PDB file of N, CA and C in Angstrom:
ATOM      1  N   MET A   1     -11.990  10.035 123.546  1.00  0.00           N
ATOM      2  CA  MET A   1     -12.783  11.050 124.197  1.00  0.00           C
ATOM      3  C   MET A   1     -12.399  11.082 125.678  1.00  0.00           C
ATOM      4  N   PRO A   2     -12.136  12.257 126.216  1.00  0.00           N
ATOM      5  CA  PRO A   2     -11.749  12.339 127.621  1.00  0.00           C
ATOM      6  C   PRO A   2     -12.908  11.946 128.531  1.00  0.00           C
ATOM      7  N   PRO A   3     -12.590  11.493 129.731  1.00  0.00           N
ATOM      8  CA  PRO A   3     -13.671  11.129 130.641  1.00  0.00           C
ATOM      9  C   PRO A   3     -14.549  12.342 130.951  1.00  0.00           C
ATOM     10  N   ILE A   4     -15.803  12.068 131.186  1.00  0.00           N
ATOM     11  CA  ILE A   4     -16.756  13.151 131.448  1.00  0.00           C
ATOM     12  C   ILE A   4     -16.560  13.656 132.873  1.00  0.00           C
ATOM     13  N   ALA A   5     -16.357  14.947 132.977  1.00  0.00           N
ATOM     14  CA  ALA A   5     -16.264  15.604 134.281  1.00  0.00           C
ATOM     15  C   ALA A   5     -17.385  16.627 134.351  1.00  0.00           C
ATOM     16  N   ASN A   6     -17.430  17.372 135.403  1.00  0.00           N
ATOM     17  CA  ASN A   6     -18.426  18.437 135.554  1.00  0.00           C
ATOM     18  C   ASN A   6     -19.859  17.922 135.410  1.00  0.00           C
ATOM     19  N   ILE A   7     -20.149  16.838 136.084  1.00  0.00           N
ATOM     20  CA  ILE A   7     -21.523  16.329 136.103  1.00  0.00           C
ATOM     21  C   ILE A   7     -22.220  16.973 137.295  1.00  0.00           C
ATOM     22  N   LYS A   8     -23.287  17.702 137.023  1.00  0.00           N
ATOM     23  CA  LYS A   8     -23.997  18.433 138.072  1.00  0.00           C
ATOM     24  C   LYS A   8     -25.495  18.187 137.942  1.00  0.00           C
ATOM     25  N   SER A   9     -26.189  18.328 139.048  1.00  0.00           N
ATOM     26  CA  SER A   9     -27.642  18.163 139.038  1.00  0.00           C
ATOM     27  C   SER A   9     -28.306  19.456 138.567  1.00  0.00           C
ATOM     28  N   ILE A  10     -29.548  19.333 138.197  1.00  0.00           N
ATOM     29  CA  ILE A  10     -30.280  20.507 137.740  1.00  0.00           C
ATOM     30  C   ILE A  10     -30.457  21.515 138.881  1.00  0.00           C
ATOM     31  N   SER A  11     -30.554  21.032 140.109  1.00  0.00           N
ATOM     32  CA  SER A  11     -30.667  21.961 141.236  1.00  0.00           C
ATOM     33  C   SER A  11     -29.358  22.738 141.409  1.00  0.00           C
ATOM     34  N   TYR A  12     -28.215  22.094 141.135  1.00  0.00           N
ATOM     35  CA  TYR A  12     -26.932  22.809 141.184  1.00  0.00           C
ATOM     36  C   TYR A  12     -26.921  23.902 140.112  1.00  0.00           C
ATOM     37  N   LEU A  13     -27.394  23.575 138.930  1.00  0.00           N
ATOM     38  CA  LEU A  13     -27.468  24.568 137.854  1.00  0.00           C
ATOM     39  C   LEU A  13     -28.315  25.769 138.279  1.00  0.00           C
ATOM     40  N   LYS A  14     -29.450  25.500 138.884  1.00  0.00           N
ATOM     41  CA  LYS A  14     -30.343  26.585 139.302  1.00  0.00           C
ATOM     42  C   LYS A  14     -29.677  27.513 140.309  1.00  0.00           C
ATOM     43  N   SER A  15     -28.912  26.949 141.221  1.00  0.00           N
ATOM     44  CA  SER A  15     -28.337  27.774 142.286  1.00  0.00           C
ATOM     45  C   SER A  15     -26.933  28.287 141.983  1.00  0.00           C
ATOM     46  N   HIS A  16     -26.282  27.768 140.932  1.00  0.00           N
ATOM     47  CA  HIS A  16     -24.903  28.164 140.633  1.00  0.00           C
ATOM     48  C   HIS A  16     -24.700  28.568 139.164  1.00  0.00           C
ATOM     49  N   ALA A  17     -25.712  29.097 138.545  1.00  0.00           N
ATOM     50  CA  ALA A  17     -25.621  29.448 137.120  1.00  0.00           C
ATOM     51  C   ALA A  17     -24.473  30.405 136.835  1.00  0.00           C
ATOM     52  N   ALA A  18     -24.307  31.409 137.671  1.00  0.00           N
ATOM     53  CA  ALA A  18     -23.230  32.385 137.447  1.00  0.00           C
ATOM     54  C   ALA A  18     -21.862  31.719 137.556  1.00  0.00           C
ATOM     55  N   GLN A  19     -21.702  30.831 138.520  1.00  0.00           N
ATOM     56  CA  GLN A  19     -20.424  30.137 138.689  1.00  0.00           C
ATOM     57  C   GLN A  19     -20.145  29.220 137.495  1.00  0.00           C
ATOM     58  N   ILE A  20     -21.159  28.555 137.000  1.00  0.00           N
ATOM     59  CA  ILE A  20     -20.998  27.698 135.819  1.00  0.00           C
ATOM     60  C   ILE A  20     -20.556  28.534 134.629  1.00  0.00           C
ATOM     61  N   SER A  21     -21.167  29.683 134.466  1.00  0.00           N
ATOM     62  CA  SER A  21     -20.789  30.582 133.375  1.00  0.00           C
ATOM     63  C   SER A  21     -19.326  30.998 133.490  1.00  0.00           C
ATOM     64  N   GLU A  22     -18.896  31.332 134.686  1.00  0.00           N
ATOM     65  CA  GLU A  22     -17.494  31.711 134.900  1.00  0.00           C
ATOM     66  C   GLU A  22     -16.556  30.549 134.598  1.00  0.00           C
ATOM     67  N   ASP A  23     -16.921  29.351 135.064  1.00  0.00           N
ATOM     68  CA  ASP A  23     -16.087  28.170 134.806  1.00  0.00           C
ATOM     69  C   ASP A  23     -15.972  27.886 133.315  1.00  0.00           C
ATOM     70  N   LEU A  24     -17.056  28.054 132.590  1.00  0.00           N
ATOM     71  CA  LEU A  24     -17.018  27.852 131.139  1.00  0.00           C
ATOM     72  C   LEU A  24     -16.074  28.847 130.480  1.00  0.00           C
ATOM     73  N   ALA A  25     -16.118  30.085 130.939  1.00  0.00           N
ATOM     74  CA  ALA A  25     -15.246  31.113 130.369  1.00  0.00           C
ATOM     75  C   ALA A  25     -13.782  30.836 130.687  1.00  0.00           C
ATOM     76  N   LEU A  26     -13.515  30.288 131.864  1.00  0.00           N
ATOM     77  CA  LEU A  26     -12.128  30.054 132.279  1.00  0.00           C
ATOM     78  C   LEU A  26     -11.511  28.817 131.634  1.00  0.00           C
ATOM     79  N   ASN A  27     -12.199  27.679 131.732  1.00  0.00           N
ATOM     80  CA  ASN A  27     -11.562  26.446 131.248  1.00  0.00           C
ATOM     81  C   ASN A  27     -12.253  25.807 130.059  1.00  0.00           C
ATOM     82  N   GLY A  28     -13.452  26.220 129.735  1.00  0.00           N
ATOM     83  CA  GLY A  28     -14.121  25.744 128.527  1.00  0.00           C
ATOM     84  C   GLY A  28     -14.702  24.350 128.603  1.00  0.00           C
ATOM     85  N   ASN A  29     -14.541  23.647 129.720  1.00  0.00           N
ATOM     86  CA  ASN A  29     -15.082  22.294 129.822  1.00  0.00           C
ATOM     87  C   ASN A  29     -16.601  22.356 129.981  1.00  0.00           C
ATOM     88  N   PRO A  30     -17.333  21.598 129.181  1.00  0.00           N
ATOM     89  CA  PRO A  30     -18.795  21.643 129.268  1.00  0.00           C
ATOM     90  C   PRO A  30     -19.296  21.023 130.574  1.00  0.00           C
ATOM     91  N   PHE A  31     -20.497  21.382 130.951  1.00  0.00           N
ATOM     92  CA  PHE A  31     -21.154  20.812 132.127  1.00  0.00           C
ATOM     93  C   PHE A  31     -22.256  19.875 131.657  1.00  0.00           C
ATOM     94  N   PHE A  32     -22.324  18.706 132.275  1.00  0.00           N
ATOM     95  CA  PHE A  32     -23.362  17.732 131.985  1.00  0.00           C
ATOM     96  C   PHE A  32     -24.360  17.801 133.131  1.00  0.00           C
ATOM     97  N   ILE A  33     -25.586  18.125 132.809  1.00  0.00           N
ATOM     98  CA  ILE A  33     -26.620  18.342 133.812  1.00  0.00           C
ATOM     99  C   ILE A  33     -27.537  17.122 133.868  1.00  0.00           C
ATOM    100  N   THR A  34     -27.811  16.677 135.087  1.00  0.00           N
ATOM    101  CA  THR A  34     -28.686  15.524 135.282  1.00  0.00           C
ATOM    102  C   THR A  34     -29.997  15.969 135.928  1.00  0.00           C
ATOM    103  N   GLN A  35     -31.023  15.219 135.642  1.00  0.00           N
ATOM    104  CA  GLN A  35     -32.324  15.441 136.270  1.00  0.00           C
ATOM    105  C   GLN A  35     -32.839  14.078 136.695  1.00  0.00           C
ATOM    106  N   ASN A  36     -33.098  13.925 137.962  1.00  0.00           N
ATOM    107  CA  ASN A  36     -33.511  12.638 138.541  1.00  0.00           C
ATOM    108  C   ASN A  36     -32.495  11.541 138.233  1.00  0.00           C
ATOM    109  N   GLY A  37     -31.225  11.911 138.213  1.00  0.00           N
ATOM    110  CA  GLY A  37     -30.156  10.934 138.000  1.00  0.00           C
ATOM    111  C   GLY A  37     -29.860  10.599 136.550  1.00  0.00           C
ATOM    112  N   ASP A  38     -30.644  11.103 135.623  1.00  0.00           N
ATOM    113  CA  ASP A  38     -30.430  10.828 134.198  1.00  0.00           C
ATOM    114  C   ASP A  38     -29.863  12.063 133.516  1.00  0.00           C
ATOM    115  N   ALA A  39     -29.011  11.834 132.533  1.00  0.00           N
ATOM    116  CA  ALA A  39     -28.454  12.945 131.759  1.00  0.00           C
ATOM    117  C   ALA A  39     -29.594  13.711 131.110  1.00  0.00           C
ATOM    118  N   SER A  40     -29.539  15.036 131.241  1.00  0.00           N
ATOM    119  CA  SER A  40     -30.626  15.867 130.740  1.00  0.00           C
ATOM    120  C   SER A  40     -30.155  16.868 129.694  1.00  0.00           C
ATOM    121  N   MET A  41     -28.992  17.495 129.932  1.00  0.00           N
ATOM    122  CA  MET A  41     -28.499  18.500 128.987  1.00  0.00           C
ATOM    123  C   MET A  41     -27.010  18.699 129.167  1.00  0.00           C
ATOM    124  N   VAL A  42     -26.441  19.371 128.185  1.00  0.00           N
ATOM    125  CA  VAL A  42     -25.038  19.764 128.221  1.00  0.00           C
ATOM    126  C   VAL A  42     -24.990  21.274 128.069  1.00  0.00           C
ATOM    127  N   ILE A  43     -24.197  21.914 128.911  1.00  0.00           N
ATOM    128  CA  ILE A  43     -24.020  23.359 128.814  1.00  0.00           C
ATOM    129  C   ILE A  43     -22.590  23.611 128.381  1.00  0.00           C
ATOM    130  N   GLU A  44     -22.436  24.357 127.295  1.00  0.00           N
ATOM    131  CA  GLU A  44     -21.114  24.675 126.776  1.00  0.00           C
ATOM    132  C   GLU A  44     -21.036  26.166 126.474  1.00  0.00           C
ATOM    133  N   SER A  45     -19.816  26.645 126.295  1.00  0.00           N
ATOM    134  CA  SER A  45     -19.637  28.063 126.001  1.00  0.00           C
ATOM    135  C   SER A  45     -20.087  28.371 124.572  1.00  0.00           C
ATOM    136  N   VAL A  46     -20.359  29.621 124.320  1.00  0.00           N
ATOM    137  CA  VAL A  46     -20.748  30.052 122.978  1.00  0.00           C
ATOM    138  C   VAL A  46     -19.617  29.753 121.997  1.00  0.00           C
ATOM    139  N   LYS A  47     -18.380  29.986 122.417  1.00  0.00           N
ATOM    140  CA  LYS A  47     -17.224  29.719 121.550  1.00  0.00           C
ATOM    141  C   LYS A  47     -17.179  28.247 121.150  1.00  0.00           C
ATOM    142  N   GLN A  48     -17.356  27.351 122.120  1.00  0.00           N
ATOM    143  CA  GLN A  48     -17.373  25.921 121.809  1.00  0.00           C
ATOM    144  C   GLN A  48     -18.496  25.585 120.848  1.00  0.00           C
ATOM    145  N   PHE A  49     -19.660  26.158 121.085  1.00  0.00           N
ATOM    146  CA  PHE A  49     -20.806  25.896 120.229  1.00  0.00           C
ATOM    147  C   PHE A  49     -20.528  26.342 118.796  1.00  0.00           C
ATOM    148  N   GLN A  50     -19.970  27.547 118.632  1.00  0.00           N
ATOM    149  CA  GLN A  50     -19.679  28.064 117.297  1.00  0.00           C
ATOM    150  C   GLN A  50     -18.621  27.227 116.587  1.00  0.00           C
ATOM    151  N   GLU A  51     -17.598  26.802 117.323  1.00  0.00           N
ATOM    152  CA  GLU A  51     -16.565  25.960 116.723  1.00  0.00           C
ATOM    153  C   GLU A  51     -17.142  24.625 116.272  1.00  0.00           C
ATOM    154  N   LYS A  52     -18.014  24.062 117.099  1.00  0.00           N
ATOM    155  CA  LYS A  52     -18.636  22.785 116.744  1.00  0.00           C
ATOM    156  C   LYS A  52     -19.531  22.930 115.518  1.00  0.00           C
ATOM    157  N   GLU A  53     -20.297  24.009 115.452  1.00  0.00           N
ATOM    158  CA  GLU A  53     -21.165  24.246 114.299  1.00  0.00           C
ATOM    159  C   GLU A  53     -20.347  24.439 113.017  1.00  0.00           C
ATOM    160  N   ALA A  54     -19.218  25.144 113.117  1.00  0.00           N
ATOM    161  CA  ALA A  54     -18.352  25.340 111.950  1.00  0.00           C
ATOM    162  C   ALA A  54     -17.777  24.002 111.492  1.00  0.00           C
ATOM    163  N   LEU A  55     -17.393  23.161 112.430  1.00  0.00           N
ATOM    164  CA  LEU A  55     -16.868  21.839 112.085  1.00  0.00           C
ATOM    165  C   LEU A  55     -17.936  20.989 111.408  1.00  0.00           C
ATOM    166  N   ILE A  56     -19.144  21.014 111.923  1.00  0.00           N
ATOM    167  CA  ILE A  56     -20.240  20.250 111.319  1.00  0.00           C
ATOM    168  C   ILE A  56     -20.505  20.742 109.895  1.00  0.00           C
ATOM    169  N   ALA A  57     -20.491  22.057 109.686  1.00  0.00           N
ATOM    170  CA  ALA A  57     -20.709  22.606 108.342  1.00  0.00           C
ATOM    171  C   ALA A  57     -19.607  22.159 107.389  1.00  0.00           C
ATOM    172  N   ALA A  58     -18.362  22.168 107.849  1.00  0.00           N
ATOM    173  CA  ALA A  58     -17.251  21.730 106.997  1.00  0.00           C
ATOM    174  C   ALA A  58     -17.381  20.248 106.655  1.00  0.00           C
ATOM    175  N   LEU A  59     -17.774  19.441 107.619  1.00  0.00           N
ATOM    176  CA  LEU A  59     -17.949  18.005 107.359  1.00  0.00           C
ATOM    177  C   LEU A  59     -19.085  17.751 106.376  1.00  0.00           C
ATOM    178  N   LYS A  60     -20.157  18.543 106.457  1.00  0.00           N
ATOM    179  CA  LYS A  60     -21.258  18.399 105.498  1.00  0.00           C
ATOM    180  C   LYS A  60     -20.797  18.739 104.090  1.00  0.00           C
ATOM    181  N   ILE A  61     -20.009  19.802 103.952  1.00  0.00           N
ATOM    182  CA  ILE A  61     -19.484  20.181 102.636  1.00  0.00           C
ATOM    183  C   ILE A  61     -18.596  19.077 102.078  1.00  0.00           C
ATOM    184  N   MET A  62     -17.756  18.514 102.942  1.00  0.00           N
ATOM    185  CA  MET A  62     -16.879  17.420 102.501  1.00  0.00           C
ATOM    186  C   MET A  62     -17.697  16.202 102.072  1.00  0.00           C
ATOM    187  N   ALA A  63     -18.747  15.894 102.829  1.00  0.00           N
ATOM    188  CA  ALA A  63     -19.592  14.748 102.490  1.00  0.00           C
ATOM    189  C   ALA A  63     -20.297  14.970 101.155  1.00  0.00           C
ATOM    190  N   LEU A  64     -20.781  16.192 100.920  1.00  0.00           N
ATOM    191  CA  LEU A  64     -21.422  16.490  99.635  1.00  0.00           C
ATOM    192  C   LEU A  64     -20.427  16.376  98.489  1.00  0.00           C
ATOM    193  N   GLY A  65     -19.215  16.849  98.708  1.00  0.00           N
ATOM    194  CA  GLY A  65     -18.177  16.732  97.685  1.00  0.00           C
ATOM    195  C   GLY A  65     -17.846  15.282  97.381  1.00  0.00           C
ATOM    196  N   GLU A  66     -17.746  14.477  98.417  1.00  0.00           N
ATOM    197  CA  GLU A  66     -17.461  13.050  98.220  1.00  0.00           C
ATOM    198  C   GLU A  66     -18.610  12.364  97.483  1.00  0.00           C
ATOM    199  N   LYS A  67     -19.833  12.740  97.818  1.00  0.00           N
ATOM    200  CA  LYS A  67     -20.997  12.170  97.120  1.00  0.00           C
ATOM    201  C   LYS A  67     -20.937  12.524  95.635  1.00  0.00           C
ATOM    202  N   ASP A  68     -20.650  13.789  95.316  1.00  0.00           N
ATOM    203  CA  ASP A  68     -20.529  14.209  93.917  1.00  0.00           C
ATOM    204  C   ASP A  68     -19.400  13.455  93.218  1.00  0.00           C
ATOM    205  N   ARG A  69     -18.276  13.275  93.920  1.00  0.00           N
ATOM    206  CA  ARG A  69     -17.139  12.554  93.329  1.00  0.00           C
ATOM    207  C   ARG A  69     -17.523  11.122  92.982  1.00  0.00           C
ATOM    208  N   LEU A  70     -18.224  10.470  93.902  1.00  0.00           N
ATOM    209  CA  LEU A  70     -18.623   9.083  93.664  1.00  0.00           C
ATOM    210  C   LEU A  70     -19.645   8.967  92.535  1.00  0.00           C
ATOM    211  N   GLN A  71     -20.427  10.021  92.316  1.00  0.00           N
ATOM    212  CA  GLN A  71     -21.421  10.018  91.239  1.00  0.00           C
ATOM    213  C   GLN A  71     -20.827  10.516  89.920  1.00  0.00           C
ATOM    214  N   GLY A  72     -19.559  10.833  89.918  1.00  0.00           N
ATOM    215  CA  GLY A  72     -18.902  11.301  88.702  1.00  0.00           C
ATOM    216  C   GLY A  72     -19.225  12.729  88.333  1.00  0.00           C
ATOM    217  N   LYS A  73     -19.701  13.513  89.267  1.00  0.00           N
ATOM    218  CA  LYS A  73     -20.066  14.910  89.002  1.00  0.00           C
ATOM    219  C   LYS A  73     -18.905  15.849  89.322  1.00  0.00           C
ATOM    220  N   CYS A  74     -17.749  15.504  88.842  1.00  0.00           N
ATOM    221  CA  CYS A  74     -16.595  16.344  89.159  1.00  0.00           C
ATOM    222  C   CYS A  74     -15.625  16.347  87.975  1.00  0.00           C
ATOM    223  N   LEU A  75     -14.649  17.217  88.066  1.00  0.00           N
ATOM    224  CA  LEU A  75     -13.614  17.318  87.043  1.00  0.00           C
ATOM    225  C   LEU A  75     -12.306  16.782  87.595  1.00  0.00           C
ATOM    226  N   SER A  76     -11.491  16.250  86.709  1.00  0.00           N
ATOM    227  CA  SER A  76     -10.151  15.875  87.137  1.00  0.00           C
ATOM    228  C   SER A  76      -9.351  17.159  87.341  1.00  0.00           C
ATOM    229  N   ALA A  77      -8.243  17.040  88.024  1.00  0.00           N
ATOM    230  CA  ALA A  77      -7.389  18.208  88.249  1.00  0.00           C
ATOM    231  C   ALA A  77      -6.918  18.777  86.911  1.00  0.00           C
ATOM    232  N   ALA A  78      -6.581  17.909  85.974  1.00  0.00           N
ATOM    233  CA  ALA A  78      -6.104  18.366  84.662  1.00  0.00           C
ATOM    234  C   ALA A  78      -7.205  19.118  83.911  1.00  0.00           C
ATOM    235  N   ASP A  79      -8.425  18.586  83.939  1.00  0.00           N
ATOM    236  CA  ASP A  79      -9.546  19.260  83.269  1.00  0.00           C
ATOM    237  C   ASP A  79      -9.844  20.611  83.922  1.00  0.00           C
ATOM    238  N   SER A  80      -9.767  20.652  85.236  1.00  0.00           N
ATOM    239  CA  SER A  80     -10.003  21.902  85.950  1.00  0.00           C
ATOM    240  C   SER A  80      -8.958  22.955  85.579  1.00  0.00           C
ATOM    241  N   ARG A  81      -7.688  22.540  85.526  1.00  0.00           N
ATOM    242  CA  ARG A  81      -6.618  23.477  85.129  1.00  0.00           C
ATOM    243  C   ARG A  81      -6.831  23.971  83.706  1.00  0.00           C
ATOM    244  N   ALA A  82      -7.255  23.076  82.826  1.00  0.00           N
ATOM    245  CA  ALA A  82      -7.495  23.463  81.438  1.00  0.00           C
ATOM    246  C   ALA A  82      -8.623  24.491  81.350  1.00  0.00           C
ATOM    247  N   GLN A  83      -9.678  24.302  82.125  1.00  0.00           N
ATOM    248  CA  GLN A  83     -10.768  25.279  82.144  1.00  0.00           C
ATOM    249  C   GLN A  83     -10.289  26.627  82.662  1.00  0.00           C
ATOM    250  N   LEU A  84      -9.491  26.621  83.717  1.00  0.00           N
ATOM    251  CA  LEU A  84      -8.959  27.874  84.258  1.00  0.00           C
ATOM    252  C   LEU A  84      -8.072  28.576  83.231  1.00  0.00           C
ATOM    253  N   ARG A  85      -7.219  27.801  82.549  1.00  0.00           N
ATOM    254  CA  ARG A  85      -6.355  28.378  81.508  1.00  0.00           C
ATOM    255  C   ARG A  85      -7.186  29.020  80.405  1.00  0.00           C
ATOM    256  N   ALA A  86      -8.250  28.328  79.985  1.00  0.00           N
ATOM    257  CA  ALA A  86      -9.109  28.844  78.926  1.00  0.00           C
ATOM    258  C   ALA A  86      -9.786  30.151  79.349  1.00  0.00           C
ATOM    259  N   VAL A  87     -10.238  30.221  80.588  1.00  0.00           N
ATOM    260  CA  VAL A  87     -10.869  31.440  81.088  1.00  0.00           C
ATOM    261  C   VAL A  87      -9.848  32.573  81.125  1.00  0.00           C
ATOM    262  N   ARG A  88      -8.648  32.287  81.596  1.00  0.00           N
ATOM    263  CA  ARG A  88      -7.613  33.323  81.654  1.00  0.00           C
ATOM    264  C   ARG A  88      -7.251  33.829  80.265  1.00  0.00           C
ATOM    265  N   GLU A  89      -7.162  32.924  79.338  1.00  0.00           N
ATOM    266  CA  GLU A  89      -6.811  33.295  77.963  1.00  0.00           C
ATOM    267  C   GLU A  89      -7.912  34.145  77.332  1.00  0.00           C
ATOM    268  N   SER A  90      -9.164  33.822  77.652  1.00  0.00           N
ATOM    269  CA  SER A  90     -10.280  34.575  77.046  1.00  0.00           C
ATOM    270  C   SER A  90     -10.360  35.992  77.612  1.00  0.00           C
ATOM    271  N   ARG A  91      -9.784  36.233  78.779  1.00  0.00           N
ATOM    272  CA  ARG A  91      -9.813  37.571  79.390  1.00  0.00           C
ATOM    273  C   ARG A  91      -8.698  38.469  78.857  1.00  0.00           C
ATOM    274  N   LYS A  92      -7.722  37.889  78.180  1.00  0.00           N
ATOM    275  CA  LYS A  92      -6.588  38.696  77.686  1.00  0.00           C
ATOM    276  C   LYS A  92      -6.939  39.434  76.434  1.00  0.00           C
TER     277      LYS A  92
END
């Protein structure tokens, strides 16, 4: 993970919101906002947020698939091909 940059106080956020928005659009690096010296929030671009949400959804699907595989709720590749062949043959 790269070192954290763009650490700003909440008062900086209040007075420079437009500049932060422009910086996010230009370089995409998130801003870490502090309040009373403690980390309070992270501001990121909408694009970054959407990409992160898509990645989380894909990881959840993979985890569910792995859970099903471990529980034996899946078909082998050969069985799957045989089912597809049978469906294709029944449509002819």
